[in-house]
Amino acid sequence: MPTPIRETELRSERVDQVVALLRAKVGAEQVETLDAFARKYFGQVDPEDLEEREVPDLYGAMLSHWNFARRREPGKLRVRAFNPTVAEHGWQSTHTIIEIVNDDMPFLVDTVTMEVNRHGLTLHLIIHPVLAVKRAKDGTLAGIAEGSDAAALRESFIHVEVDRVPEPARLEALVADISRVLGDVRQAVEDWPSIRGRVLTIVEGISKQPPPSIPAAELDEG
């Protein structure tokens, strides 16, 4: 097993190969932005997972996700599932690919994993960078922001590889169900501050005027 330092070196070597291909293919006006994106995108991926995939396919997956993220309305989830082929997409995979772009929030990966499992699919890879991005007012992706940029948006980019799903109807159902459960996550996260506030108000009210059935000693323990 490689040491952590060696893992970092192996990852960097593979990502450098992806970036070299990127620089050979992408126009000068985008190359620096996509270079930064690629390094963040693959920055936490296990080197073995990178080695198992061809450089053109890693490049294709990264660019596909970037292009999918180029337009996103504020507060709106984007999710799709597809089977990439060289003829149609310029890259390929033996797996079905799920791409997600969303505001960063807790429980996203766990929720997607559970929904994939509920569909009876094996999960083969998750790539999940959380990026600070800049967007125009219409939601157009303008670039990668510096961490200190107060105007930056924190977004989760989630790339998931699962067992290949050839049937379009099953792909549509998978997308619909992932969209539904991630919508539930958003609602729970957004509702939590108000729920917590109501609970604290109730607790405070009980402390000030406890029902006769609650001994004072139990309130002190709480």
C-alpha atoms as a PDB file:
ATOM      1  CA  MET A   1       0.000   0.000   0.000  1.00  0.00           C
ATOM      2  CA  PRO A   2       1.447   3.414  -0.945  1.00  0.00           C
ATOM      3  CA  THR A   3       2.295   5.840   1.819  1.00  0.00           C
ATOM      4  CA  PRO A   4       0.181   9.032   2.038  1.00  0.00           C
ATOM      5  CA  ILE A   5       3.035  10.978   0.452  1.00  0.00           C
ATOM      6  CA  ARG A   6       3.290   8.486  -2.403  1.00  0.00           C
ATOM      7  CA  GLU A   7      -0.501   8.574  -2.877  1.00  0.00           C
ATOM      8  CA  THR A   8      -0.307  12.342  -3.260  1.00  0.00           C
ATOM      9  CA  GLU A   9       2.497  11.968  -5.797  1.00  0.00           C
ATOM     10  CA  LEU A  10       0.583   9.345  -7.796  1.00  0.00           C
ATOM     11  CA  ARG A  11      -2.547  11.484  -7.806  1.00  0.00           C
ATOM     12  CA  SER A  12      -0.605  14.553  -8.913  1.00  0.00           C
ATOM     13  CA  GLU A  13       1.072  12.617 -11.725  1.00  0.00           C
ATOM     14  CA  ARG A  14      -2.279  11.410 -13.072  1.00  0.00           C
ATOM     15  CA  VAL A  15      -3.927  14.810 -12.762  1.00  0.00           C
ATOM     16  CA  ASP A  16      -0.944  16.385 -14.531  1.00  0.00           C
ATOM     17  CA  GLN A  17      -1.628  14.019 -17.434  1.00  0.00           C
ATOM     18  CA  VAL A  18      -5.268  15.121 -17.519  1.00  0.00           C
ATOM     19  CA  VAL A  19      -4.235  18.777 -17.435  1.00  0.00           C
ATOM     20  CA  ALA A  20      -1.716  18.222 -20.241  1.00  0.00           C
ATOM     21  CA  LEU A  21      -4.512  16.829 -22.417  1.00  0.00           C
ATOM     22  CA  LEU A  22      -6.746  19.704 -21.377  1.00  0.00           C
ATOM     23  CA  ARG A  23      -4.140  22.267 -22.411  1.00  0.00           C
ATOM     24  CA  ALA A  24      -3.811  20.594 -25.800  1.00  0.00           C
ATOM     25  CA  LYS A  25      -7.553  20.709 -26.442  1.00  0.00           C
ATOM     26  CA  VAL A  26      -8.994  23.798 -24.746  1.00  0.00           C
ATOM     27  CA  GLY A  27      -8.834  27.360 -26.021  1.00  0.00           C
ATOM     28  CA  ALA A  28      -6.556  29.860 -24.309  1.00  0.00           C
ATOM     29  CA  GLU A  29      -9.468  31.816 -22.834  1.00  0.00           C
ATOM     30  CA  GLN A  30     -10.580  28.838 -20.723  1.00  0.00           C
ATOM     31  CA  VAL A  31      -7.416  26.897 -20.062  1.00  0.00           C
ATOM     32  CA  GLU A  32      -6.380  28.435 -16.724  1.00  0.00           C
ATOM     33  CA  THR A  33      -9.887  28.188 -15.277  1.00  0.00           C
ATOM     34  CA  LEU A  34     -10.230  24.564 -16.330  1.00  0.00           C
ATOM     35  CA  ASP A  35      -6.728  23.767 -15.084  1.00  0.00           C
ATOM     36  CA  ALA A  36      -7.741  25.014 -11.626  1.00  0.00           C
ATOM     37  CA  PHE A  37     -11.040  23.160 -11.824  1.00  0.00           C
ATOM     38  CA  ALA A  38      -9.405  19.865 -12.821  1.00  0.00           C
ATOM     39  CA  ARG A  39      -6.934  19.982  -9.933  1.00  0.00           C
ATOM     40  CA  LYS A  40      -9.696  20.648  -7.414  1.00  0.00           C
ATOM     41  CA  TYR A  41     -12.046  18.153  -9.058  1.00  0.00           C
ATOM     42  CA  PHE A  42      -9.650  15.226  -8.725  1.00  0.00           C
ATOM     43  CA  GLY A  43      -7.873  16.523  -5.628  1.00  0.00           C
ATOM     44  CA  GLN A  44      -9.252  13.923  -3.198  1.00  0.00           C
ATOM     45  CA  VAL A  45      -9.771  10.950  -5.514  1.00  0.00           C
ATOM     46  CA  ASP A  46      -7.976   7.715  -4.665  1.00  0.00           C
ATOM     47  CA  PRO A  47      -4.988   7.329  -7.039  1.00  0.00           C
ATOM     48  CA  GLU A  48      -6.031   3.747  -7.785  1.00  0.00           C
ATOM     49  CA  ASP A  49      -9.389   4.980  -9.085  1.00  0.00           C
ATOM     50  CA  LEU A  50      -7.583   7.452 -11.324  1.00  0.00           C
ATOM     51  CA  GLU A  51      -5.180   4.792 -12.606  1.00  0.00           C
ATOM     52  CA  GLU A  52      -8.069   2.464 -13.463  1.00  0.00           C
ATOM     53  CA  ARG A  53      -9.460   5.038 -15.893  1.00  0.00           C
ATOM     54  CA  GLU A  54      -7.907   6.255 -19.115  1.00  0.00           C
ATOM     55  CA  VAL A  55      -6.716   9.863 -19.198  1.00  0.00           C
ATOM     56  CA  PRO A  56      -9.124  10.833 -22.033  1.00  0.00           C
ATOM     57  CA  ASP A  57     -12.016   9.455 -19.985  1.00  0.00           C
ATOM     58  CA  LEU A  58     -10.952  11.359 -16.861  1.00  0.00           C
ATOM     59  CA  TYR A  59     -10.668  14.500 -18.963  1.00  0.00           C
ATOM     60  CA  GLY A  60     -14.060  13.818 -20.524  1.00  0.00           C
ATOM     61  CA  ALA A  61     -15.739  13.243 -17.162  1.00  0.00           C
ATOM     62  CA  MET A  62     -14.289  16.433 -15.714  1.00  0.00           C
ATOM     63  CA  LEU A  63     -15.216  18.543 -18.746  1.00  0.00           C
ATOM     64  CA  SER A  64     -18.701  17.018 -18.879  1.00  0.00           C
ATOM     65  CA  HIS A  65     -19.365  18.017 -15.281  1.00  0.00           C
ATOM     66  CA  TRP A  66     -17.999  21.522 -15.871  1.00  0.00           C
ATOM     67  CA  ASN A  67     -20.235  21.996 -18.898  1.00  0.00           C
ATOM     68  CA  PHE A  68     -23.248  20.654 -17.001  1.00  0.00           C
ATOM     69  CA  ALA A  69     -22.577  23.193 -14.233  1.00  0.00           C
ATOM     70  CA  ARG A  70     -22.261  26.158 -16.587  1.00  0.00           C
ATOM     71  CA  ARG A  71     -25.866  27.227 -16.018  1.00  0.00           C
ATOM     72  CA  ARG A  72     -27.603  26.824 -12.676  1.00  0.00           C
ATOM     73  CA  GLU A  73     -30.283  29.013 -11.184  1.00  0.00           C
ATOM     74  CA  PRO A  74     -29.511  30.079  -7.594  1.00  0.00           C
ATOM     75  CA  GLY A  75     -30.868  27.548  -5.134  1.00  0.00           C
ATOM     76  CA  LYS A  76     -31.735  25.016  -7.835  1.00  0.00           C
ATOM     77  CA  LEU A  77     -30.496  21.434  -8.035  1.00  0.00           C
ATOM     78  CA  ARG A  78     -29.106  20.054 -11.295  1.00  0.00           C
ATOM     79  CA  VAL A  79     -28.877  16.283 -11.758  1.00  0.00           C
ATOM     80  CA  ARG A  80     -28.639  13.976 -14.750  1.00  0.00           C
ATOM     81  CA  ALA A  81     -27.743  10.335 -15.443  1.00  0.00           C
ATOM     82  CA  PHE A  82     -26.366   8.999 -18.714  1.00  0.00           C
ATOM     83  CA  ASN A  83     -24.171   6.373 -20.346  1.00  0.00           C
ATOM     84  CA  PRO A  84     -21.244   8.143 -22.017  1.00  0.00           C
ATOM     85  CA  THR A  85     -19.913   6.901 -25.341  1.00  0.00           C
ATOM     86  CA  VAL A  86     -17.033   8.174 -27.435  1.00  0.00           C
ATOM     87  CA  ALA A  87     -19.329   8.676 -30.418  1.00  0.00           C
ATOM     88  CA  GLU A  88     -21.819  10.837 -28.523  1.00  0.00           C
ATOM     89  CA  HIS A  89     -19.863  12.359 -25.654  1.00  0.00           C
ATOM     90  CA  GLY A  90     -16.197  12.071 -26.607  1.00  0.00           C
ATOM     91  CA  TRP A  91     -15.408   9.776 -23.671  1.00  0.00           C
ATOM     92  CA  GLN A  92     -16.659   6.496 -22.279  1.00  0.00           C
ATOM     93  CA  SER A  93     -17.292   4.473 -19.165  1.00  0.00           C
ATOM     94  CA  THR A  94     -18.519   0.979 -18.421  1.00  0.00           C
ATOM     95  CA  HIS A  95     -20.736   2.565 -15.761  1.00  0.00           C
ATOM     96  CA  THR A  96     -23.750   4.844 -15.719  1.00  0.00           C
ATOM     97  CA  ILE A  97     -22.699   8.350 -14.715  1.00  0.00           C
ATOM     98  CA  ILE A  98     -24.707  10.571 -12.382  1.00  0.00           C
ATOM     99  CA  GLU A  99     -23.755  14.253 -12.309  1.00  0.00           C
ATOM    100  CA  ILE A 100     -25.033  16.583  -9.596  1.00  0.00           C
ATOM    101  CA  VAL A 101     -24.495  20.288  -8.999  1.00  0.00           C
ATOM    102  CA  ASN A 102     -26.056  21.781  -5.884  1.00  0.00           C
ATOM    103  CA  ASP A 103     -25.545  24.299  -3.134  1.00  0.00           C
ATOM    104  CA  ASP A 104     -23.224  22.700  -0.612  1.00  0.00           C
ATOM    105  CA  MET A 105     -25.067  21.357   2.419  1.00  0.00           C
ATOM    106  CA  PRO A 106     -24.892  18.391   4.808  1.00  0.00           C
ATOM    107  CA  PHE A 107     -25.980  14.844   3.940  1.00  0.00           C
ATOM    108  CA  LEU A 108     -25.766  15.092   0.134  1.00  0.00           C
ATOM    109  CA  VAL A 109     -23.435  12.143  -0.465  1.00  0.00           C
ATOM    110  CA  ASP A 110     -25.103   9.927   2.149  1.00  0.00           C
ATOM    111  CA  THR A 111     -28.508  10.647   0.643  1.00  0.00           C
ATOM    112  CA  VAL A 112     -27.384   9.914  -2.922  1.00  0.00           C
ATOM    113  CA  THR A 113     -25.669   6.710  -1.782  1.00  0.00           C
ATOM    114  CA  MET A 114     -28.812   5.466  -0.040  1.00  0.00           C
ATOM    115  CA  GLU A 115     -30.979   6.246  -3.071  1.00  0.00           C
ATOM    116  CA  VAL A 116     -28.569   4.461  -5.419  1.00  0.00           C
ATOM    117  CA  ASN A 117     -28.662   1.440  -3.106  1.00  0.00           C
ATOM    118  CA  ARG A 118     -32.462   1.581  -2.990  1.00  0.00           C
ATOM    119  CA  HIS A 119     -32.459   1.232  -6.770  1.00  0.00           C
ATOM    120  CA  GLY A 120     -30.404  -1.953  -6.395  1.00  0.00           C
ATOM    121  CA  LEU A 121     -27.276  -0.444  -7.952  1.00  0.00           C
ATOM    122  CA  THR A 122     -23.671  -0.858  -6.852  1.00  0.00           C
ATOM    123  CA  LEU A 123     -21.736   2.358  -6.377  1.00  0.00           C
ATOM    124  CA  HIS A 124     -18.279   2.200  -7.981  1.00  0.00           C
ATOM    125  CA  LEU A 125     -16.945   5.736  -7.535  1.00  0.00           C
ATOM    126  CA  ILE A 126     -17.877   9.070  -5.997  1.00  0.00           C
ATOM    127  CA  ILE A 127     -16.009  12.269  -6.757  1.00  0.00           C
ATOM    128  CA  HIS A 128     -17.184  15.093  -4.522  1.00  0.00           C
ATOM    129  CA  PRO A 129     -15.289  18.370  -4.592  1.00  0.00           C
ATOM    130  CA  VAL A 130     -16.851  21.340  -2.808  1.00  0.00           C
ATOM    131  CA  LEU A 131     -15.878  24.400  -4.809  1.00  0.00           C
ATOM    132  CA  ALA A 132     -16.101  28.138  -4.339  1.00  0.00           C
ATOM    133  CA  VAL A 133     -17.439  29.417  -7.646  1.00  0.00           C
ATOM    134  CA  LYS A 134     -18.414  32.706  -9.222  1.00  0.00           C
ATOM    135  CA  ARG A 135     -21.679  33.027 -11.136  1.00  0.00           C
ATOM    136  CA  ALA A 136     -23.300  35.834 -13.080  1.00  0.00           C
ATOM    137  CA  LYS A 137     -26.779  37.000 -12.057  1.00  0.00           C
ATOM    138  CA  ASP A 138     -28.351  34.682 -14.622  1.00  0.00           C
ATOM    139  CA  GLY A 139     -26.568  31.673 -13.106  1.00  0.00           C
ATOM    140  CA  THR A 140     -23.812  31.393 -15.702  1.00  0.00           C
ATOM    141  CA  LEU A 141     -20.631  29.908 -14.252  1.00  0.00           C
ATOM    142  CA  ALA A 142     -17.933  32.585 -14.406  1.00  0.00           C
ATOM    143  CA  GLY A 143     -15.027  30.712 -12.840  1.00  0.00           C
ATOM    144  CA  ILE A 144     -13.412  29.314  -9.715  1.00  0.00           C
ATOM    145  CA  ALA A 145     -13.190  31.788  -6.839  1.00  0.00           C
ATOM    146  CA  GLU A 146     -10.481  32.291  -4.274  1.00  0.00           C
ATOM    147  CA  GLY A 147     -11.338  30.939  -0.856  1.00  0.00           C
ATOM    148  CA  SER A 148     -11.332  34.448   0.605  1.00  0.00           C
ATOM    149  CA  ASP A 149     -13.895  35.774  -1.913  1.00  0.00           C
ATOM    150  CA  ALA A 150     -16.941  36.724   0.178  1.00  0.00           C
ATOM    151  CA  ALA A 151     -19.168  36.738  -2.909  1.00  0.00           C
ATOM    152  CA  ALA A 152     -18.264  33.162  -3.863  1.00  0.00           C
ATOM    153  CA  LEU A 153     -20.857  30.407  -3.791  1.00  0.00           C
ATOM    154  CA  ARG A 154     -20.019  27.058  -2.208  1.00  0.00           C
ATOM    155  CA  GLU A 155     -21.289  24.326  -4.490  1.00  0.00           C
ATOM    156  CA  SER A 156     -21.107  20.545  -4.356  1.00  0.00           C
ATOM    157  CA  PHE A 157     -20.080  18.823  -7.571  1.00  0.00           C
ATOM    158  CA  ILE A 158     -20.920  15.124  -7.222  1.00  0.00           C
ATOM    159  CA  HIS A 159     -19.858  12.587  -9.859  1.00  0.00           C
ATOM    160  CA  VAL A 160     -21.216   9.097  -9.195  1.00  0.00           C
ATOM    161  CA  GLU A 161     -20.497   5.899 -11.118  1.00  0.00           C
ATOM    162  CA  VAL A 162     -22.953   3.029 -10.696  1.00  0.00           C
ATOM    163  CA  ASP A 163     -23.802  -0.231 -12.467  1.00  0.00           C
ATOM    164  CA  ARG A 164     -24.703   0.479 -16.072  1.00  0.00           C
ATOM    165  CA  VAL A 165     -28.421   1.202 -16.520  1.00  0.00           C
ATOM    166  CA  PRO A 166     -29.263   0.818 -20.225  1.00  0.00           C
ATOM    167  CA  GLU A 167     -33.006   1.486 -20.043  1.00  0.00           C
ATOM    168  CA  PRO A 168     -33.989   5.166 -20.506  1.00  0.00           C
ATOM    169  CA  ALA A 169     -37.026   4.745 -18.244  1.00  0.00           C
ATOM    170  CA  ARG A 170     -34.857   3.500 -15.380  1.00  0.00           C
ATOM    171  CA  LEU A 171     -32.439   6.400 -15.891  1.00  0.00           C
ATOM    172  CA  GLU A 172     -35.337   8.845 -15.722  1.00  0.00           C
ATOM    173  CA  ALA A 173     -36.649   7.203 -12.556  1.00  0.00           C
ATOM    174  CA  LEU A 174     -33.195   7.342 -10.983  1.00  0.00           C
ATOM    175  CA  VAL A 175     -32.868  11.060 -11.738  1.00  0.00           C
ATOM    176  CA  ALA A 176     -36.388  11.755 -10.467  1.00  0.00           C
ATOM    177  CA  ASP A 177     -35.791   9.914  -7.202  1.00  0.00           C
ATOM    178  CA  ILE A 178     -32.407  11.525  -6.561  1.00  0.00           C
ATOM    179  CA  SER A 179     -33.955  14.927  -7.254  1.00  0.00           C
ATOM    180  CA  ARG A 180     -36.763  14.170  -4.808  1.00  0.00           C
ATOM    181  CA  VAL A 181     -34.580  13.025  -1.923  1.00  0.00           C
ATOM    182  CA  LEU A 182     -32.104  15.884  -2.382  1.00  0.00           C
ATOM    183  CA  GLY A 183     -35.080  18.248  -2.369  1.00  0.00           C
ATOM    184  CA  ASP A 184     -36.045  16.725   0.983  1.00  0.00           C
ATOM    185  CA  VAL A 185     -32.509  17.340   2.247  1.00  0.00           C
ATOM    186  CA  ARG A 186     -32.658  20.992   1.200  1.00  0.00           C
ATOM    187  CA  GLN A 187     -35.988  21.481   2.937  1.00  0.00           C
ATOM    188  CA  ALA A 188     -34.739  19.843   6.134  1.00  0.00           C
ATOM    189  CA  VAL A 189     -31.541  21.916   6.161  1.00  0.00           C
ATOM    190  CA  GLU A 190     -33.405  25.151   5.463  1.00  0.00           C
ATOM    191  CA  ASP A 191     -36.093  24.381   8.071  1.00  0.00           C
ATOM    192  CA  TRP A 192     -33.639  23.365  10.788  1.00  0.00           C
ATOM    193  CA  PRO A 193     -32.899  26.868  12.184  1.00  0.00           C
ATOM    194  CA  SER A 194     -36.601  27.636  12.633  1.00  0.00           C
ATOM    195  CA  ILE A 195     -37.273  24.182  14.118  1.00  0.00           C
ATOM    196  CA  ARG A 196     -34.371  24.613  16.525  1.00  0.00           C
ATOM    197  CA  GLY A 197     -35.650  28.068  17.459  1.00  0.00           C
ATOM    198  CA  ARG A 198     -39.126  26.715  18.224  1.00  0.00           C
ATOM    199  CA  VAL A 199     -37.682  23.884  20.315  1.00  0.00           C
ATOM    200  CA  LEU A 200     -35.559  26.316  22.335  1.00  0.00           C
ATOM    201  CA  THR A 201     -38.604  28.537  22.887  1.00  0.00           C
ATOM    202  CA  ILE A 202     -40.616  25.558  24.131  1.00  0.00           C
ATOM    203  CA  VAL A 203     -37.800  24.450  26.440  1.00  0.00           C
ATOM    204  CA  GLU A 204     -37.422  27.966  27.802  1.00  0.00           C
ATOM    205  CA  GLY A 205     -41.178  28.211  28.393  1.00  0.00           C
ATOM    206  CA  ILE A 206     -41.262  24.889  30.226  1.00  0.00           C
ATOM    207  CA  SER A 207     -38.292  25.934  32.365  1.00  0.00           C
ATOM    208  CA  LYS A 208     -40.023  29.164  33.390  1.00  0.00           C
ATOM    209  CA  GLN A 209     -43.427  27.596  33.988  1.00  0.00           C
ATOM    210  CA  PRO A 210     -43.146  23.810  34.196  1.00  0.00           C
ATOM    211  CA  PRO A 211     -46.264  21.633  34.197  1.00  0.00           C
ATOM    212  CA  PRO A 212     -47.119  20.305  37.670  1.00  0.00           C
ATOM    213  CA  SER A 213     -46.287  16.758  36.550  1.00  0.00           C
ATOM    214  CA  ILE A 214     -42.586  17.544  35.952  1.00  0.00           C
ATOM    215  CA  PRO A 215     -40.514  17.559  39.154  1.00  0.00           C
ATOM    216  CA  ALA A 216     -38.173  20.521  39.500  1.00  0.00           C
ATOM    217  CA  ALA A 217     -35.241  18.134  39.982  1.00  0.00           C
ATOM    218  CA  GLU A 218     -35.789  16.692  36.487  1.00  0.00           C
ATOM    219  CA  LEU A 219     -35.793  20.185  34.970  1.00  0.00           C
ATOM    220  CA  ASP A 220     -32.517  20.936  36.728  1.00  0.00           C
ATOM    221  CA  GLU A 221     -31.037  17.742  35.261  1.00  0.00           C
ATOM    222  CA  GLY A 222     -32.112  18.812  31.740  1.00  0.00           C
END
